[in-house]
């Protein structure tokens, strides 16, 4: 909570609608409904969908299996946004269907970067207390 006693994170409705959109997208990708050469043979995962507070935009973070050609796949999905919106709309049962925007999910890269930092020599030295300081 902020000092105004208002919640600072996403609302329960934003989270629920985001999950509905995520499941609809994952099912659509599993069925291979989008015809595009860049998507042919790709297995696409949808780890997260973040909704804007007004529920008009769904930011979908995707990652192809193996992480190969992620930028090309995102570009292809963004070319087919209107088709995707039309397929997602009936499954989420809302008055207005959100516009879906696709982005590469970089959380795995970020987690890997943090892990490598934690395993670095400098951090290990600090953890082991070998820097010459006495406690």
Protein backbone atom coordinates (compact mmCIF):
# COMPACT_ATOMS: atom_id res chain seq x y z
CA UNK A 1 0.00 0.00 0.00
CA UNK A 2 1.13 3.53 -0.72
CA UNK A 3 0.83 6.39 1.74
CA UNK A 4 -2.56 7.23 0.20
CA UNK A 5 -3.82 3.76 1.24
CA UNK A 6 -4.21 2.78 -2.41
CA UNK A 7 -2.84 -0.52 -3.69
CA UNK A 8 0.35 -0.06 -5.71
CA UNK A 9 0.35 -3.27 -7.74
CA UNK A 10 -2.05 -4.66 -10.32
CA UNK A 11 -5.64 -5.17 -9.20
CA UNK A 12 -7.20 -8.60 -8.87
CA UNK A 13 -9.26 -7.91 -11.98
CA UNK A 14 -6.15 -7.00 -14.00
CA UNK A 15 -4.49 -10.23 -12.88
CA UNK A 16 -7.57 -12.35 -13.62
CA UNK A 17 -8.11 -10.87 -17.10
CA UNK A 18 -4.38 -11.22 -17.82
CA UNK A 19 -4.58 -14.93 -16.98
CA UNK A 20 -7.64 -15.38 -19.19
CA UNK A 21 -5.83 -13.73 -22.11
CA UNK A 22 -2.69 -15.80 -21.41
CA UNK A 23 -4.64 -19.06 -21.51
CA UNK A 24 -6.48 -18.01 -24.70
CA UNK A 25 -3.17 -17.13 -26.40
CA UNK A 26 -1.47 -20.34 -25.28
CA UNK A 27 -4.36 -22.42 -26.63
CA UNK A 28 -4.32 -20.52 -29.92
CA UNK A 29 -0.55 -21.05 -30.31
CA UNK A 30 -0.90 -24.74 -29.45
CA UNK A 31 -3.50 -25.16 -32.20
CA UNK A 32 -1.30 -23.28 -34.70
CA UNK A 33 -4.07 -20.92 -35.79
CA UNK A 34 -1.79 -18.16 -37.09
CA UNK A 35 -0.49 -18.77 -40.59
CA UNK A 36 2.92 -17.13 -40.97
CA UNK A 37 6.25 -18.47 -42.22
CA UNK A 38 8.07 -17.03 -39.19
CA UNK A 39 5.82 -19.03 -36.85
CA UNK A 40 5.92 -22.32 -38.73
CA UNK A 41 7.30 -25.09 -36.53
CA UNK A 42 7.78 -22.81 -33.50
CA UNK A 43 6.55 -23.78 -30.05
CA UNK A 44 5.64 -20.54 -28.29
CA UNK A 45 5.15 -20.14 -24.55
CA UNK A 46 3.30 -17.27 -22.90
CA UNK A 47 4.76 -16.83 -19.41
CA UNK A 48 2.93 -13.59 -18.62
CA UNK A 49 0.28 -11.17 -19.82
CA UNK A 50 0.09 -7.76 -18.13
CA UNK A 51 -3.07 -5.73 -18.49
CA UNK A 52 -3.25 -1.95 -18.34
CA UNK A 53 -5.48 -0.59 -15.54
CA UNK A 54 -8.28 0.22 -18.00
CA UNK A 55 -8.05 -3.36 -19.43
CA UNK A 56 -7.77 -2.02 -22.98
CA UNK A 57 -4.24 -3.24 -23.70
CA UNK A 58 -2.80 -6.68 -22.99
CA UNK A 59 1.00 -6.80 -23.08
CA UNK A 60 1.84 -10.44 -23.82
CA UNK A 61 5.38 -11.60 -23.11
CA UNK A 62 6.30 -14.62 -25.22
CA UNK A 63 9.28 -16.89 -25.62
CA UNK A 64 9.78 -19.50 -28.32
CA UNK A 65 11.06 -22.84 -27.12
CA UNK A 66 14.85 -22.62 -27.09
CA UNK A 67 14.73 -18.84 -27.48
CA UNK A 68 15.58 -19.03 -31.18
CA UNK A 69 14.35 -16.23 -33.51
CA UNK A 70 12.38 -14.53 -30.71
CA UNK A 71 12.45 -11.09 -32.34
CA UNK A 72 11.18 -12.45 -35.68
CA UNK A 73 8.37 -14.32 -33.95
CA UNK A 74 7.31 -11.24 -31.97
CA UNK A 75 7.30 -9.20 -35.18
CA UNK A 76 5.13 -11.83 -36.89
CA UNK A 77 2.69 -11.94 -33.98
CA UNK A 78 2.44 -8.15 -33.92
CA UNK A 79 1.62 -8.23 -37.67
CA UNK A 80 -1.34 -10.49 -36.84
CA UNK A 81 -2.62 -8.50 -33.83
CA UNK A 82 -6.10 -7.92 -35.24
CA UNK A 83 -6.56 -11.62 -36.00
CA UNK A 84 -5.37 -12.52 -32.49
CA UNK A 85 -7.73 -10.00 -30.91
CA UNK A 86 -10.64 -11.49 -32.84
CA UNK A 87 -9.74 -14.99 -31.65
CA UNK A 88 -9.17 -14.01 -28.02
CA UNK A 89 -12.32 -11.86 -27.64
CA UNK A 90 -14.92 -14.66 -27.49
CA UNK A 91 -12.85 -16.64 -24.99
CA UNK A 92 -12.48 -13.93 -22.35
CA UNK A 93 -16.14 -12.82 -22.23
CA UNK A 94 -15.65 -9.09 -21.80
CA UNK A 95 -17.58 -6.16 -23.24
CA UNK A 96 -14.50 -4.89 -25.09
CA UNK A 97 -11.64 -7.08 -26.25
CA UNK A 98 -8.19 -5.76 -25.32
CA UNK A 99 -5.60 -4.90 -27.94
CA UNK A 100 -2.83 -7.48 -27.68
CA UNK A 101 0.79 -6.37 -28.01
CA UNK A 102 3.60 -8.90 -28.07
CA UNK A 103 7.04 -8.58 -26.50
CA UNK A 104 9.98 -10.92 -25.97
CA UNK A 105 10.04 -12.24 -22.42
CA UNK A 106 13.49 -11.46 -21.07
CA UNK A 107 13.00 -12.69 -17.50
CA UNK A 108 15.05 -15.84 -18.19
CA UNK A 109 17.95 -13.74 -19.50
CA UNK A 110 17.71 -11.41 -16.52
CA UNK A 111 17.62 -14.34 -14.06
CA UNK A 112 20.66 -15.84 -15.76
CA UNK A 113 22.51 -12.52 -15.54
CA UNK A 114 21.74 -12.18 -11.82
CA UNK A 115 22.77 -15.80 -11.21
CA UNK A 116 26.12 -15.23 -12.93
CA UNK A 117 26.66 -12.08 -10.85
CA UNK A 118 25.96 -13.99 -7.64
CA UNK A 119 28.43 -16.69 -8.66
CA UNK A 120 31.16 -14.19 -9.54
CA UNK A 121 34.49 -14.20 -7.73
CA UNK A 122 33.93 -10.82 -6.07
CA UNK A 123 30.60 -11.80 -4.57
CA UNK A 124 31.93 -15.16 -3.39
CA UNK A 125 34.89 -13.41 -1.76
CA UNK A 126 32.54 -11.04 0.06
CA UNK A 127 30.35 -13.92 1.20
CA UNK A 128 33.33 -15.91 2.45
CA UNK A 129 34.76 -12.90 4.31
CA UNK A 130 38.17 -13.18 2.65
CA UNK A 131 38.52 -9.47 1.99
CA UNK A 132 40.73 -8.97 5.06
CA UNK A 133 38.13 -7.35 7.31
CA UNK A 134 37.59 -8.65 10.82
CA UNK A 135 34.17 -8.86 12.38
